[in-house]
């Protein structure tokens, strides 16, 4: 009558034991990966002392930095034995984009207006079709 068969007691026990064993193996694997340094005796990098060797590298020349400023005032002051130049740099805020106009809201067509428009289009189509006949 029923297509499903009830499992025997030993079959259910076997599945339970396999499930518990699989969970235990997974837990053990997680523990091993967490404590792998302690298991294999690997020291932390901060504990290991290494010899620092400096390599002399020729660094490529840095590209020049160009800063464009619109308002750049220079003032000179004379004091005692020489001329000192003081440069004042003022930042100019970026131009704000123009305000976008409000979207145009079209008036929705009422059902009566739609029917009238469709009737007018149908009459125009019929009138155009009759002229050719």
Protein backbone atom coordinates (compact mmCIF):
# COMPACT_ATOMS: atom_id res chain seq x y z
CA UNK A 1 0.00 0.00 0.00
CA UNK A 2 2.57 2.53 1.10
CA UNK A 3 5.71 2.89 -1.01
CA UNK A 4 7.80 3.82 2.04
CA UNK A 5 9.14 0.97 4.10
CA UNK A 6 9.97 1.28 7.74
CA UNK A 7 13.63 0.80 8.51
CA UNK A 8 14.67 -1.94 10.82
CA UNK A 9 16.20 -1.04 14.18
CA UNK A 10 19.71 -1.98 13.13
CA UNK A 11 19.57 0.14 9.97
CA UNK A 12 18.62 3.24 11.96
CA UNK A 13 21.36 2.50 14.49
CA UNK A 14 23.92 2.13 11.68
CA UNK A 15 22.96 5.54 10.23
CA UNK A 16 23.19 7.14 13.68
CA UNK A 17 26.67 5.71 14.28
CA UNK A 18 27.84 6.92 10.85
CA UNK A 19 26.45 10.40 11.56
CA UNK A 20 28.19 10.62 14.94
CA UNK A 21 31.47 9.34 13.43
CA UNK A 22 31.27 11.90 10.61
CA UNK A 23 30.65 14.72 13.07
CA UNK A 24 33.59 13.56 15.25
CA UNK A 25 35.95 13.43 12.24
CA UNK A 26 34.86 16.93 11.17
CA UNK A 27 35.39 18.30 14.68
CA UNK A 28 38.83 16.68 14.88
CA UNK A 29 39.78 18.20 11.51
CA UNK A 30 38.75 21.66 12.68
CA UNK A 31 40.76 21.26 15.89
CA UNK A 32 43.86 20.16 13.93
CA UNK A 33 43.67 23.12 11.53
CA UNK A 34 43.24 25.52 14.45
CA UNK A 35 46.22 24.13 16.42
CA UNK A 36 48.51 23.10 13.55
CA UNK A 37 51.37 25.32 14.75
CA UNK A 38 51.33 23.76 18.22
CA UNK A 39 51.10 20.22 16.85
CA UNK A 40 54.13 20.53 14.55
CA UNK A 41 56.14 22.79 16.88
CA UNK A 42 56.18 25.85 14.63
CA UNK A 43 57.11 29.04 16.44
CA UNK A 44 55.27 32.28 15.88
CA UNK A 45 56.97 34.75 13.54
CA UNK A 46 57.33 37.31 16.32
CA UNK A 47 59.25 34.74 18.46
CA UNK A 48 61.69 33.78 15.71
CA UNK A 49 64.71 36.06 15.43
CA UNK A 50 65.91 36.58 11.91
CA UNK A 51 68.84 38.47 10.53
CA UNK A 52 67.84 41.69 8.85
CA UNK A 53 69.60 42.12 5.51
CA UNK A 54 69.15 45.38 3.72
CA UNK A 55 69.22 45.32 -0.03
CA UNK A 56 70.23 48.44 -1.85
CA UNK A 57 67.74 49.10 -4.56
CA UNK A 58 67.78 51.83 -7.09
CA UNK A 59 64.41 53.38 -6.87
CA UNK A 60 63.04 54.91 -10.02
CA UNK A 61 62.70 58.66 -9.95
CA UNK A 62 59.31 59.67 -8.69
CA UNK A 63 57.05 61.38 -11.17
CA UNK A 64 56.70 65.08 -10.48
CA UNK A 65 53.52 66.06 -8.70
CA UNK A 66 51.57 68.79 -10.42
CA UNK A 67 49.06 70.75 -8.39
CA UNK A 68 46.86 73.22 -10.20
CA UNK A 69 45.66 76.04 -7.99
CA UNK A 70 43.55 78.91 -9.21
CA UNK A 71 44.26 81.40 -6.41
CA UNK A 72 47.96 81.72 -5.66
CA UNK A 73 49.11 84.87 -3.80
CA UNK A 74 52.75 85.65 -3.03
CA UNK A 75 53.86 88.13 -0.40
CA UNK A 76 57.40 89.33 0.25
CA UNK A 77 58.72 90.70 3.51
CA UNK A 78 61.99 92.47 4.10
CA UNK A 79 63.58 91.98 7.47
CA UNK A 80 67.11 92.83 8.42
CA UNK A 81 69.52 91.05 6.15
CA UNK A 82 67.50 89.32 3.44
CA UNK A 83 64.31 88.84 1.54
CA UNK A 84 61.88 86.20 2.71
CA UNK A 85 59.11 84.94 0.48
CA UNK A 86 55.90 83.69 2.01
CA UNK A 87 53.45 81.86 -0.21
CA UNK A 88 49.78 81.72 0.67
CA UNK A 89 47.79 78.91 -0.86
CA UNK A 90 44.03 78.99 -0.70
CA UNK A 91 41.91 76.11 -1.85
CA UNK A 92 39.01 76.91 -4.13
CA UNK A 93 36.00 74.64 -3.82
CA UNK A 94 35.12 72.68 -6.92
CA UNK A 95 32.28 74.02 -9.00
CA UNK A 96 28.98 72.47 -8.12
CA UNK A 97 27.05 70.89 -10.98
CA UNK A 98 24.03 72.81 -12.16
CA UNK A 99 20.83 71.86 -10.43
CA UNK A 100 18.86 69.38 -12.46
CA UNK A 101 15.42 70.62 -13.43
CA UNK A 102 12.46 68.89 -11.90
CA UNK A 103 11.08 66.12 -14.10
CA UNK A 104 8.07 67.05 -16.15
CA UNK A 105 5.01 65.21 -14.94
CA UNK A 106 2.65 64.47 -17.76
CA UNK A 107 -1.04 64.53 -17.05
CA UNK A 108 -2.41 61.02 -17.06
CA UNK A 109 -5.06 60.25 -19.61
CA UNK A 110 -8.49 59.49 -18.19
CA UNK A 111 -10.46 56.52 -19.49
CA UNK A 112 -12.95 58.81 -21.23
CA UNK A 113 -10.12 60.71 -22.99
CA UNK A 114 -8.50 57.44 -24.04
CA UNK A 115 -11.74 56.10 -25.52
CA UNK A 116 -12.27 59.37 -27.41
CA UNK A 117 -8.67 59.28 -28.72
CA UNK A 118 -8.94 55.64 -29.84
CA UNK A 119 -12.27 56.32 -31.59
CA UNK A 120 -10.72 59.29 -33.42
CA UNK A 121 -7.73 57.16 -34.50
CA UNK A 122 -10.05 54.38 -35.68
CA UNK A 123 -12.19 56.83 -37.69
CA UNK A 124 -9.08 58.39 -39.23
CA UNK A 125 -7.81 54.92 -40.15
CA UNK A 126 -11.17 53.90 -41.64
CA UNK A 127 -11.44 57.19 -43.51
CA UNK A 128 -7.92 56.71 -44.92
CA UNK A 129 -8.74 53.12 -45.91
CA UNK A 130 -11.96 54.13 -47.72
CA UNK A 131 -10.16 56.72 -49.86
CA UNK A 132 -7.97 54.04 -51.45
CA UNK A 133 -10.96 51.83 -52.39
